Amino acid sequence: MNRNKTQNIINQGEGISVEFKTATNQLPNNLFETISAFLNKSGGTILLGVSDDKKIHGVDEQVVDELSKQIANLSNNPQKLFPSFLLEPQVVEYKDKKLIS
């Protein structure tokens, strides 16, 4: 996802297929509930590092790669997501912050 697409998503705000989660240092507890809801509909976009009021907090640079790996690994864990669905999170450089999509 490029910077322009990210900006458009943030400008539009949350909706039926867009969810923002602050997630500065760790994955949100309800992340896989949101993923499951999107998978049961027609998909969607989750931006980690953005709050509900569209404020960009970013994800801590020291953990961004680890959180991306956790998402990919946990999406293949039937205790987190059933049936499993392989997710491929993307790190998005946005202004001076990193987001995970």
PDB file of N, CA and C in Angstrom:
ATOM      1  N   MET A   1       0.855  -1.163   0.000  1.00  0.00           N
ATOM      2  CA  MET A   1       0.000   0.000   0.000  1.00  0.00           C
ATOM      3  C   MET A   1       0.901   1.226   0.000  1.00  0.00           C
ATOM      4  N   ASN A   2       0.609   2.173  -0.862  1.00  0.00           N
ATOM      5  CA  ASN A   2       1.450   3.362  -0.923  1.00  0.00           C
ATOM      6  C   ASN A   2       0.897   4.480  -0.030  1.00  0.00           C
ATOM      7  N   ARG A   3       1.655   5.536   0.064  1.00  0.00           N
ATOM      8  CA  ARG A   3       1.313   6.650   0.953  1.00  0.00           C
ATOM      9  C   ARG A   3      -0.007   7.312   0.557  1.00  0.00           C
ATOM     10  N   ASN A   4      -0.255   7.494  -0.744  1.00  0.00           N
ATOM     11  CA  ASN A   4      -1.501   8.138  -1.184  1.00  0.00           C
ATOM     12  C   ASN A   4      -2.726   7.306  -0.825  1.00  0.00           C
ATOM     13  N   LYS A   5      -2.639   6.001  -1.037  1.00  0.00           N
ATOM     14  CA  LYS A   5      -3.760   5.132  -0.697  1.00  0.00           C
ATOM     15  C   LYS A   5      -3.990   5.150   0.817  1.00  0.00           C
ATOM     16  N   THR A   6      -2.911   5.132   1.580  1.00  0.00           N
ATOM     17  CA  THR A   6      -3.020   5.194   3.038  1.00  0.00           C
ATOM     18  C   THR A   6      -3.703   6.491   3.457  1.00  0.00           C
ATOM     19  N   GLN A   7      -3.287   7.605   2.860  1.00  0.00           N
ATOM     20  CA  GLN A   7      -3.888   8.896   3.198  1.00  0.00           C
ATOM     21  C   GLN A   7      -5.371   8.911   2.863  1.00  0.00           C
ATOM     22  N   ASN A   8      -5.754   8.354   1.721  1.00  0.00           N
ATOM     23  CA  ASN A   8      -7.166   8.294   1.342  1.00  0.00           C
ATOM     24  C   ASN A   8      -7.977   7.489   2.346  1.00  0.00           C
ATOM     25  N   ILE A   9      -7.435   6.365   2.793  1.00  0.00           N
ATOM     26  CA  ILE A   9      -8.133   5.531   3.773  1.00  0.00           C
ATOM     27  C   ILE A   9      -8.304   6.291   5.084  1.00  0.00           C
ATOM     28  N   ILE A  10      -7.253   6.966   5.534  1.00  0.00           N
ATOM     29  CA  ILE A  10      -7.330   7.734   6.782  1.00  0.00           C
ATOM     30  C   ILE A  10      -8.331   8.872   6.635  1.00  0.00           C
ATOM     31  N   ASN A  11      -8.304   9.568   5.510  1.00  0.00           N
ATOM     32  CA  ASN A  11      -9.243  10.672   5.293  1.00  0.00           C
ATOM     33  C   ASN A  11     -10.698  10.215   5.323  1.00  0.00           C
ATOM     34  N   GLN A  12     -10.978   9.047   4.744  1.00  0.00           N
ATOM     35  CA  GLN A  12     -12.347   8.532   4.730  1.00  0.00           C
ATOM     36  C   GLN A  12     -12.795   8.100   6.114  1.00  0.00           C
ATOM     37  N   GLY A  13     -11.866   7.653   6.934  1.00  0.00           N
ATOM     38  CA  GLY A  13     -12.193   7.232   8.295  1.00  0.00           C
ATOM     39  C   GLY A  13     -12.685   5.801   8.346  1.00  0.00           C
ATOM     40  N   GLU A  14     -13.017   5.393   9.562  1.00  0.00           N
ATOM     41  CA  GLU A  14     -13.477   4.025   9.771  1.00  0.00           C
ATOM     42  C   GLU A  14     -14.865   3.825   9.181  1.00  0.00           C
ATOM     43  N   GLY A  15     -15.119   2.605   8.804  1.00  0.00           N
ATOM     44  CA  GLY A  15     -16.415   2.256   8.248  1.00  0.00           C
ATOM     45  C   GLY A  15     -16.571   0.753   8.235  1.00  0.00           C
ATOM     46  N   ILE A  16     -17.483   0.273   7.427  1.00  0.00           N
ATOM     47  CA  ILE A  16     -17.790  -1.154   7.376  1.00  0.00           C
ATOM     48  C   ILE A  16     -16.598  -2.001   6.950  1.00  0.00           C
ATOM     49  N   SER A  17     -15.658  -1.401   6.212  1.00  0.00           N
ATOM     50  CA  SER A  17     -14.508  -2.178   5.745  1.00  0.00           C
ATOM     51  C   SER A  17     -13.164  -1.534   6.103  1.00  0.00           C
ATOM     52  N   VAL A  18     -13.181  -0.605   7.052  1.00  0.00           N
ATOM     53  CA  VAL A  18     -11.930   0.041   7.494  1.00  0.00           C
ATOM     54  C   VAL A  18     -11.947   0.148   9.013  1.00  0.00           C
ATOM     55  N   GLU A  19     -10.842  -0.270   9.624  1.00  0.00           N
ATOM     56  CA  GLU A  19     -10.720  -0.200  11.078  1.00  0.00           C
ATOM     57  C   GLU A  19      -9.335   0.332  11.425  1.00  0.00           C
ATOM     58  N   PHE A  20      -9.292   1.275  12.366  1.00  0.00           N
ATOM     59  CA  PHE A  20      -8.033   1.806  12.870  1.00  0.00           C
ATOM     60  C   PHE A  20      -7.785   1.228  14.258  1.00  0.00           C
ATOM     61  N   LYS A  21      -6.530   0.904  14.538  1.00  0.00           N
ATOM     62  CA  LYS A  21      -6.147   0.408  15.856  1.00  0.00           C
ATOM     63  C   LYS A  21      -4.815   1.046  16.230  1.00  0.00           C
ATOM     64  N   THR A  22      -4.737   1.587  17.438  1.00  0.00           N
ATOM     65  CA  THR A  22      -3.550   2.325  17.867  1.00  0.00           C
ATOM     66  C   THR A  22      -2.301   1.449  17.837  1.00  0.00           C
ATOM     67  N   ALA A  23      -2.234   0.343  18.555  1.00  0.00           N
ATOM     68  CA  ALA A  23      -1.175  -0.671  18.465  1.00  0.00           C
ATOM     69  C   ALA A  23       0.242  -0.120  18.363  1.00  0.00           C
ATOM     70  N   THR A  24       0.656   0.656  19.311  1.00  0.00           N
ATOM     71  CA  THR A  24       1.993   1.238  19.265  1.00  0.00           C
ATOM     72  C   THR A  24       3.087   0.204  19.513  1.00  0.00           C
ATOM     73  N   ASN A  25       2.899  -0.652  20.535  1.00  0.00           N
ATOM     74  CA  ASN A  25       3.949  -1.593  20.932  1.00  0.00           C
ATOM     75  C   ASN A  25       3.544  -3.055  20.849  1.00  0.00           C
ATOM     76  N   GLN A  26       2.253  -3.338  20.731  1.00  0.00           N
ATOM     77  CA  GLN A  26       1.789  -4.723  20.717  1.00  0.00           C
ATOM     78  C   GLN A  26       0.502  -4.827  19.908  1.00  0.00           C
ATOM     79  N   LEU A  27       0.170  -6.059  19.551  1.00  0.00           N
ATOM     80  CA  LEU A  27      -1.062  -6.273  18.801  1.00  0.00           C
ATOM     81  C   LEU A  27      -2.258  -6.048  19.716  1.00  0.00           C
ATOM     82  N   PRO A  28      -3.310  -5.412  19.212  1.00  0.00           N
ATOM     83  CA  PRO A  28      -4.511  -5.223  20.025  1.00  0.00           C
ATOM     84  C   PRO A  28      -5.156  -6.565  20.352  1.00  0.00           C
ATOM     85  N   ASN A  29      -5.758  -6.661  21.527  1.00  0.00           N
ATOM     86  CA  ASN A  29      -6.410  -7.902  21.948  1.00  0.00           C
ATOM     87  C   ASN A  29      -7.518  -8.330  20.998  1.00  0.00           C
ATOM     88  N   ASN A  30      -8.208  -7.380  20.405  1.00  0.00           N
ATOM     89  CA  ASN A  30      -9.361  -7.710  19.548  1.00  0.00           C
ATOM     90  C   ASN A  30      -9.023  -7.716  18.055  1.00  0.00           C
ATOM     91  N   LEU A  31      -7.743  -7.765  17.715  1.00  0.00           N
ATOM     92  CA  LEU A  31      -7.343  -7.721  16.312  1.00  0.00           C
ATOM     93  C   LEU A  31      -7.959  -8.868  15.516  1.00  0.00           C
ATOM     94  N   PHE A  32      -7.883 -10.082  16.049  1.00  0.00           N
ATOM     95  CA  PHE A  32      -8.368 -11.224  15.279  1.00  0.00           C
ATOM     96  C   PHE A  32      -9.891 -11.298  15.240  1.00  0.00           C
ATOM     97  N   GLU A  33     -10.571 -10.663  16.174  1.00  0.00           N
ATOM     98  CA  GLU A  33     -12.026 -10.525  16.075  1.00  0.00           C
ATOM     99  C   GLU A  33     -12.369  -9.649  14.871  1.00  0.00           C
ATOM    100  N   THR A  34     -11.639  -8.569  14.711  1.00  0.00           N
ATOM    101  CA  THR A  34     -11.859  -7.670  13.577  1.00  0.00           C
ATOM    102  C   THR A  34     -11.524  -8.371  12.268  1.00  0.00           C
ATOM    103  N   ILE A  35     -10.412  -9.073  12.233  1.00  0.00           N
ATOM    104  CA  ILE A  35     -10.024  -9.808  11.021  1.00  0.00           C
ATOM    105  C   ILE A  35     -11.100 -10.819  10.663  1.00  0.00           C
ATOM    106  N   SER A  36     -11.584 -11.549  11.650  1.00  0.00           N
ATOM    107  CA  SER A  36     -12.635 -12.542  11.417  1.00  0.00           C
ATOM    108  C   SER A  36     -13.900 -11.890  10.865  1.00  0.00           C
ATOM    109  N   ALA A  37     -14.273 -10.761  11.431  1.00  0.00           N
ATOM    110  CA  ALA A  37     -15.466 -10.046  10.939  1.00  0.00           C
ATOM    111  C   ALA A  37     -15.280  -9.629   9.484  1.00  0.00           C
ATOM    112  N   PHE A  38     -14.112  -9.115   9.141  1.00  0.00           N
ATOM    113  CA  PHE A  38     -13.857  -8.715   7.757  1.00  0.00           C
ATOM    114  C   PHE A  38     -13.878  -9.923   6.822  1.00  0.00           C
ATOM    115  N   LEU A  39     -13.314 -11.043   7.266  1.00  0.00           N
ATOM    116  CA  LEU A  39     -13.296 -12.236   6.426  1.00  0.00           C
ATOM    117  C   LEU A  39     -14.704 -12.808   6.217  1.00  0.00           C
ATOM    118  N   ASN A  40     -15.589 -12.582   7.179  1.00  0.00           N
ATOM    119  CA  ASN A  40     -16.963 -13.060   7.045  1.00  0.00           C
ATOM    120  C   ASN A  40     -17.822 -12.130   6.195  1.00  0.00           C
ATOM    121  N   LYS A  41     -17.299 -10.991   5.846  1.00  0.00           N
ATOM    122  CA  LYS A  41     -17.979 -10.057   4.947  1.00  0.00           C
ATOM    123  C   LYS A  41     -17.219 -10.066   3.622  1.00  0.00           C
ATOM    124  N   SER A  42     -16.924  -8.917   3.114  1.00  0.00           N
ATOM    125  CA  SER A  42     -16.214  -8.843   1.833  1.00  0.00           C
ATOM    126  C   SER A  42     -14.787  -8.325   1.983  1.00  0.00           C
ATOM    127  N   GLY A  43     -14.200  -8.500   3.165  1.00  0.00           N
ATOM    128  CA  GLY A  43     -12.831  -8.055   3.381  1.00  0.00           C
ATOM    129  C   GLY A  43     -12.774  -6.648   3.936  1.00  0.00           C
ATOM    130  N   GLY A  44     -11.577  -6.141   4.074  1.00  0.00           N
ATOM    131  CA  GLY A  44     -11.414  -4.789   4.598  1.00  0.00           C
ATOM    132  C   GLY A  44      -9.958  -4.471   4.842  1.00  0.00           C
ATOM    133  N   THR A  45      -9.746  -3.304   5.415  1.00  0.00           N
ATOM    134  CA  THR A  45      -8.403  -2.819   5.708  1.00  0.00           C
ATOM    135  C   THR A  45      -8.320  -2.449   7.175  1.00  0.00           C
ATOM    136  N   ILE A  46      -7.275  -2.936   7.823  1.00  0.00           N
ATOM    137  CA  ILE A  46      -6.989  -2.563   9.206  1.00  0.00           C
ATOM    138  C   ILE A  46      -5.663  -1.823   9.186  1.00  0.00           C
ATOM    139  N   LEU A  47      -5.658  -0.642   9.781  1.00  0.00           N
ATOM    140  CA  LEU A  47      -4.409   0.118   9.903  1.00  0.00           C
ATOM    141  C   LEU A  47      -3.999   0.144  11.367  1.00  0.00           C
ATOM    142  N   LEU A  48      -2.883  -0.477  11.671  1.00  0.00           N
ATOM    143  CA  LEU A  48      -2.315  -0.418  13.011  1.00  0.00           C
ATOM    144  C   LEU A  48      -1.408   0.798  13.096  1.00  0.00           C
ATOM    145  N   GLY A  49      -1.593   1.571  14.154  1.00  0.00           N
ATOM    146  CA  GLY A  49      -0.802   2.786  14.328  1.00  0.00           C
ATOM    147  C   GLY A  49      -1.632   4.042  14.129  1.00  0.00           C
ATOM    148  N   VAL A  50      -2.953   3.867  13.970  1.00  0.00           N
ATOM    149  CA  VAL A  50      -3.868   4.994  13.773  1.00  0.00           C
ATOM    150  C   VAL A  50      -5.008   4.843  14.780  1.00  0.00           C
ATOM    151  N   SER A  51      -5.363   5.930  15.466  1.00  0.00           N
ATOM    152  CA  SER A  51      -6.459   5.869  16.431  1.00  0.00           C
ATOM    153  C   SER A  51      -7.793   6.158  15.742  1.00  0.00           C
ATOM    154  N   ASP A  52      -8.882   5.877  16.449  1.00  0.00           N
ATOM    155  CA  ASP A  52     -10.226   6.052  15.900  1.00  0.00           C
ATOM    156  C   ASP A  52     -10.487   7.471  15.398  1.00  0.00           C
ATOM    157  N   ASP A  53      -9.819   8.460  15.999  1.00  0.00           N
ATOM    158  CA  ASP A  53     -10.020   9.859  15.595  1.00  0.00           C
ATOM    159  C   ASP A  53      -9.067  10.282  14.468  1.00  0.00           C
ATOM    160  N   LYS A  54      -8.494   9.297  13.763  1.00  0.00           N
ATOM    161  CA  LYS A  54      -7.619   9.492  12.604  1.00  0.00           C
ATOM    162  C   LYS A  54      -6.232  10.039  12.960  1.00  0.00           C
ATOM    163  N   LYS A  55      -5.888  10.067  14.233  1.00  0.00           N
ATOM    164  CA  LYS A  55      -4.572  10.542  14.635  1.00  0.00           C
ATOM    165  C   LYS A  55      -3.553   9.433  14.383  1.00  0.00           C
ATOM    166  N   ILE A  56      -2.440   9.790  13.757  1.00  0.00           N
ATOM    167  CA  ILE A  56      -1.409   8.828  13.398  1.00  0.00           C
ATOM    168  C   ILE A  56      -0.375   8.765  14.517  1.00  0.00           C
ATOM    169  N   HIS A  57      -0.339   7.618  15.194  1.00  0.00           N
ATOM    170  CA  HIS A  57       0.619   7.391  16.276  1.00  0.00           C
ATOM    171  C   HIS A  57       1.822   6.616  15.768  1.00  0.00           C
ATOM    172  N   GLY A  58       1.594   5.777  14.781  1.00  0.00           N
ATOM    173  CA  GLY A  58       2.645   4.909  14.274  1.00  0.00           C
ATOM    174  C   GLY A  58       2.847   3.703  15.166  1.00  0.00           C
ATOM    175  N   VAL A  59       3.588   2.750  14.663  1.00  0.00           N
ATOM    176  CA  VAL A  59       3.971   1.561  15.410  1.00  0.00           C
ATOM    177  C   VAL A  59       5.453   1.721  15.729  1.00  0.00           C
ATOM    178  N   ASP A  60       5.818   1.419  16.960  1.00  0.00           N
ATOM    179  CA  ASP A  60       7.208   1.545  17.397  1.00  0.00           C
ATOM    180  C   ASP A  60       8.129   0.832  16.409  1.00  0.00           C
ATOM    181  N   GLU A  61       9.106   1.558  15.904  1.00  0.00           N
ATOM    182  CA  GLU A  61      10.014   1.025  14.891  1.00  0.00           C
ATOM    183  C   GLU A  61      10.749  -0.227  15.350  1.00  0.00           C
ATOM    184  N   GLN A  62      10.977  -0.346  16.642  1.00  0.00           N
ATOM    185  CA  GLN A  62      11.709  -1.500  17.167  1.00  0.00           C
ATOM    186  C   GLN A  62      10.872  -2.775  17.162  1.00  0.00           C
ATOM    187  N   VAL A  63       9.551  -2.663  17.077  1.00  0.00           N
ATOM    188  CA  VAL A  63       8.693  -3.857  17.116  1.00  0.00           C
ATOM    189  C   VAL A  63       7.870  -4.059  15.846  1.00  0.00           C
ATOM    190  N   VAL A  64       7.969  -3.162  14.897  1.00  0.00           N
ATOM    191  CA  VAL A  64       7.107  -3.237  13.714  1.00  0.00           C
ATOM    192  C   VAL A  64       7.300  -4.540  12.935  1.00  0.00           C
ATOM    193  N   ASP A  65       8.520  -4.979  12.763  1.00  0.00           N
ATOM    194  CA  ASP A  65       8.760  -6.231  12.040  1.00  0.00           C
ATOM    195  C   ASP A  65       8.249  -7.433  12.833  1.00  0.00           C
ATOM    196  N   GLU A  66       8.458  -7.409  14.133  1.00  0.00           N
ATOM    197  CA  GLU A  66       7.987  -8.509  14.980  1.00  0.00           C
ATOM    198  C   GLU A  66       6.453  -8.593  14.974  1.00  0.00           C
ATOM    199  N   LEU A  67       5.783  -7.463  15.045  1.00  0.00           N
ATOM    200  CA  LEU A  67       4.315  -7.472  15.015  1.00  0.00           C
ATOM    201  C   LEU A  67       3.807  -7.990  13.676  1.00  0.00           C
ATOM    202  N   SER A  68       4.468  -7.630  12.610  1.00  0.00           N
ATOM    203  CA  SER A  68       4.084  -8.131  11.285  1.00  0.00           C
ATOM    204  C   SER A  68       4.219  -9.650  11.232  1.00  0.00           C
ATOM    205  N   LYS A  69       5.310 -10.167  11.781  1.00  0.00           N
ATOM    206  CA  LYS A  69       5.516 -11.622  11.826  1.00  0.00           C
ATOM    207  C   LYS A  69       4.457 -12.298  12.685  1.00  0.00           C
ATOM    208  N   GLN A  70       4.124 -11.681  13.809  1.00  0.00           N
ATOM    209  CA  GLN A  70       3.104 -12.249  14.692  1.00  0.00           C
ATOM    210  C   GLN A  70       1.755 -12.355  13.972  1.00  0.00           C
ATOM    211  N   ILE A  71       1.392 -11.325  13.233  1.00  0.00           N
ATOM    212  CA  ILE A  71       0.122 -11.355  12.500  1.00  0.00           C
ATOM    213  C   ILE A  71       0.124 -12.516  11.509  1.00  0.00           C
ATOM    214  N   ALA A  72       1.187 -12.631  10.747  1.00  0.00           N
ATOM    215  CA  ALA A  72       1.271 -13.704   9.746  1.00  0.00           C
ATOM    216  C   ALA A  72       1.227 -15.078  10.412  1.00  0.00           C
ATOM    217  N   ASN A  73       1.972 -15.259  11.490  1.00  0.00           N
ATOM    218  CA  ASN A  73       2.006 -16.549  12.176  1.00  0.00           C
ATOM    219  C   ASN A  73       0.681 -16.874  12.859  1.00  0.00           C
ATOM    220  N   LEU A  74       0.101 -15.905  13.545  1.00  0.00           N
ATOM    221  CA  LEU A  74      -1.143 -16.154  14.265  1.00  0.00           C
ATOM    222  C   LEU A  74      -2.330 -16.369  13.330  1.00  0.00           C
ATOM    223  N   SER A  75      -2.256 -15.822  12.126  1.00  0.00           N
ATOM    224  CA  SER A  75      -3.363 -16.018  11.187  1.00  0.00           C
ATOM    225  C   SER A  75      -3.449 -17.472  10.732  1.00  0.00           C
ATOM    226  N   ASN A  76      -2.388 -18.224  10.937  1.00  0.00           N
ATOM    227  CA  ASN A  76      -2.352 -19.641  10.587  1.00  0.00           C
ATOM    228  C   ASN A  76      -2.608 -20.527  11.818  1.00  0.00           C
ATOM    229  N   ASN A  77      -2.979 -19.906  12.941  1.00  0.00           N
ATOM    230  CA  ASN A  77      -3.244 -20.616  14.184  1.00  0.00           C
ATOM    231  C   ASN A  77      -4.756 -20.730  14.368  1.00  0.00           C
ATOM    232  N   PRO A  78      -5.313 -21.955  14.324  1.00  0.00           N
ATOM    233  CA  PRO A  78      -6.763 -22.118  14.426  1.00  0.00           C
ATOM    234  C   PRO A  78      -7.352 -21.648  15.757  1.00  0.00           C
ATOM    235  N   GLN A  79      -6.523 -21.462  16.783  1.00  0.00           N
ATOM    236  CA  GLN A  79      -7.034 -20.926  18.041  1.00  0.00           C
ATOM    237  C   GLN A  79      -7.266 -19.417  17.944  1.00  0.00           C
ATOM    238  N   LYS A  80      -6.651 -18.770  16.990  1.00  0.00           N
ATOM    239  CA  LYS A  80      -6.834 -17.335  16.780  1.00  0.00           C
ATOM    240  C   LYS A  80      -7.794 -17.050  15.636  1.00  0.00           C
ATOM    241  N   LEU A  81      -7.724 -17.860  14.585  1.00  0.00           N
ATOM    242  CA  LEU A  81      -8.521 -17.616  13.389  1.00  0.00           C
ATOM    243  C   LEU A  81      -8.899 -18.952  12.771  1.00  0.00           C
ATOM    244  N   PHE A  82     -10.198 -19.233  12.743  1.00  0.00           N
ATOM    245  CA  PHE A  82     -10.652 -20.497  12.186  1.00  0.00           C
ATOM    246  C   PHE A  82     -11.808 -20.261  11.232  1.00  0.00           C
ATOM    247  N   PRO A  83     -11.745 -20.760  10.018  1.00  0.00           N
ATOM    248  CA  PRO A  83     -10.586 -21.462   9.479  1.00  0.00           C
ATOM    249  C   PRO A  83      -9.425 -20.494   9.276  1.00  0.00           C
ATOM    250  N   SER A  84      -8.212 -21.032   9.296  1.00  0.00           N
ATOM    251  CA  SER A  84      -7.034 -20.172   9.133  1.00  0.00           C
ATOM    252  C   SER A  84      -7.068 -19.476   7.780  1.00  0.00           C
ATOM    253  N   PHE A  85      -6.456 -18.346   7.752  1.00  0.00           N
ATOM    254  CA  PHE A  85      -6.384 -17.543   6.531  1.00  0.00           C
ATOM    255  C   PHE A  85      -5.044 -16.840   6.564  1.00  0.00           C
ATOM    256  N   LEU A  86      -4.188 -17.158   5.633  1.00  0.00           N
ATOM    257  CA  LEU A  86      -2.842 -16.588   5.639  1.00  0.00           C
ATOM    258  C   LEU A  86      -2.891 -15.099   5.321  1.00  0.00           C
ATOM    259  N   LEU A  87      -2.481 -14.302   6.281  1.00  0.00           N
ATOM    260  CA  LEU A  87      -2.434 -12.846   6.116  1.00  0.00           C
ATOM    261  C   LEU A  87      -1.007 -12.415   5.830  1.00  0.00           C
ATOM    262  N   GLU A  88      -0.862 -11.420   4.991  1.00  0.00           N
ATOM    263  CA  GLU A  88       0.450 -10.861   4.679  1.00  0.00           C
ATOM    264  C   GLU A  88       0.441  -9.371   4.993  1.00  0.00           C
ATOM    265  N   PRO A  89       0.747  -9.028   6.249  1.00  0.00           N
ATOM    266  CA  PRO A  89       0.745  -7.612   6.621  1.00  0.00           C
ATOM    267  C   PRO A  89       1.817  -6.835   5.867  1.00  0.00           C
ATOM    268  N   GLN A  90       1.532  -5.570   5.649  1.00  0.00           N
ATOM    269  CA  GLN A  90       2.479  -4.680   4.972  1.00  0.00           C
ATOM    270  C   GLN A  90       2.849  -3.539   5.914  1.00  0.00           C
ATOM    271  N   VAL A  91       4.129  -3.208   5.951  1.00  0.00           N
ATOM    272  CA  VAL A  91       4.583  -2.035   6.690  1.00  0.00           C
ATOM    273  C   VAL A  91       4.508  -0.859   5.734  1.00  0.00           C
ATOM    274  N   VAL A  92       3.823   0.193   6.171  1.00  0.00           N
ATOM    275  CA  VAL A  92       3.626   1.381   5.343  1.00  0.00           C
ATOM    276  C   VAL A  92       4.405   2.532   5.967  1.00  0.00           C
ATOM    277  N   GLU A  93       5.281   3.135   5.190  1.00  0.00           N
ATOM    278  CA  GLU A  93       5.987   4.340   5.635  1.00  0.00           C
ATOM    279  C   GLU A  93       5.035   5.511   5.413  1.00  0.00           C
ATOM    280  N   TYR A  94       4.652   6.174   6.492  1.00  0.00           N
ATOM    281  CA  TYR A  94       3.710   7.282   6.377  1.00  0.00           C
ATOM    282  C   TYR A  94       4.261   8.467   7.126  1.00  0.00           C
ATOM    283  N   LYS A  95       4.620   9.490   6.383  1.00  0.00           N
ATOM    284  CA  LYS A  95       5.289  10.660   6.940  1.00  0.00           C
ATOM    285  C   LYS A  95       6.512  10.163   7.692  1.00  0.00           C
ATOM    286  N   ASP A  96       6.628  10.435   8.978  1.00  0.00           N
ATOM    287  CA  ASP A  96       7.809   9.983   9.720  1.00  0.00           C
ATOM    288  C   ASP A  96       7.492   8.789  10.608  1.00  0.00           C
ATOM    289  N   LYS A  97       6.394   8.087  10.312  1.00  0.00           N
ATOM    290  CA  LYS A  97       5.962   6.960  11.133  1.00  0.00           C
ATOM    291  C   LYS A  97       5.788   5.703  10.295  1.00  0.00           C
ATOM    292  N   LYS A  98       5.716   4.577  10.980  1.00  0.00           N
ATOM    293  CA  LYS A  98       5.448   3.308  10.305  1.00  0.00           C
ATOM    294  C   LYS A  98       4.093   2.806  10.760  1.00  0.00           C
ATOM    295  N   LEU A  99       3.313   2.332   9.799  1.00  0.00           N
ATOM    296  CA  LEU A  99       2.018   1.732  10.067  1.00  0.00           C
ATOM    297  C   LEU A  99       2.041   0.312   9.545  1.00  0.00           C
ATOM    298  N   ILE A 100       1.150  -0.518  10.050  1.00  0.00           N
ATOM    299  CA  ILE A 100       1.001  -1.867   9.523  1.00  0.00           C
ATOM    300  C   ILE A 100      -0.393  -1.983   8.952  1.00  0.00           C
ATOM    301  N   SER A 101      -0.471  -2.471   7.737  1.00  0.00           N
ATOM    302  CA  SER A 101      -1.750  -2.661   7.067  1.00  0.00           C
ATOM    303  C   SER A 101      -1.930  -4.142   6.795  1.00  0.00           C
TER     304      SER A 101
END
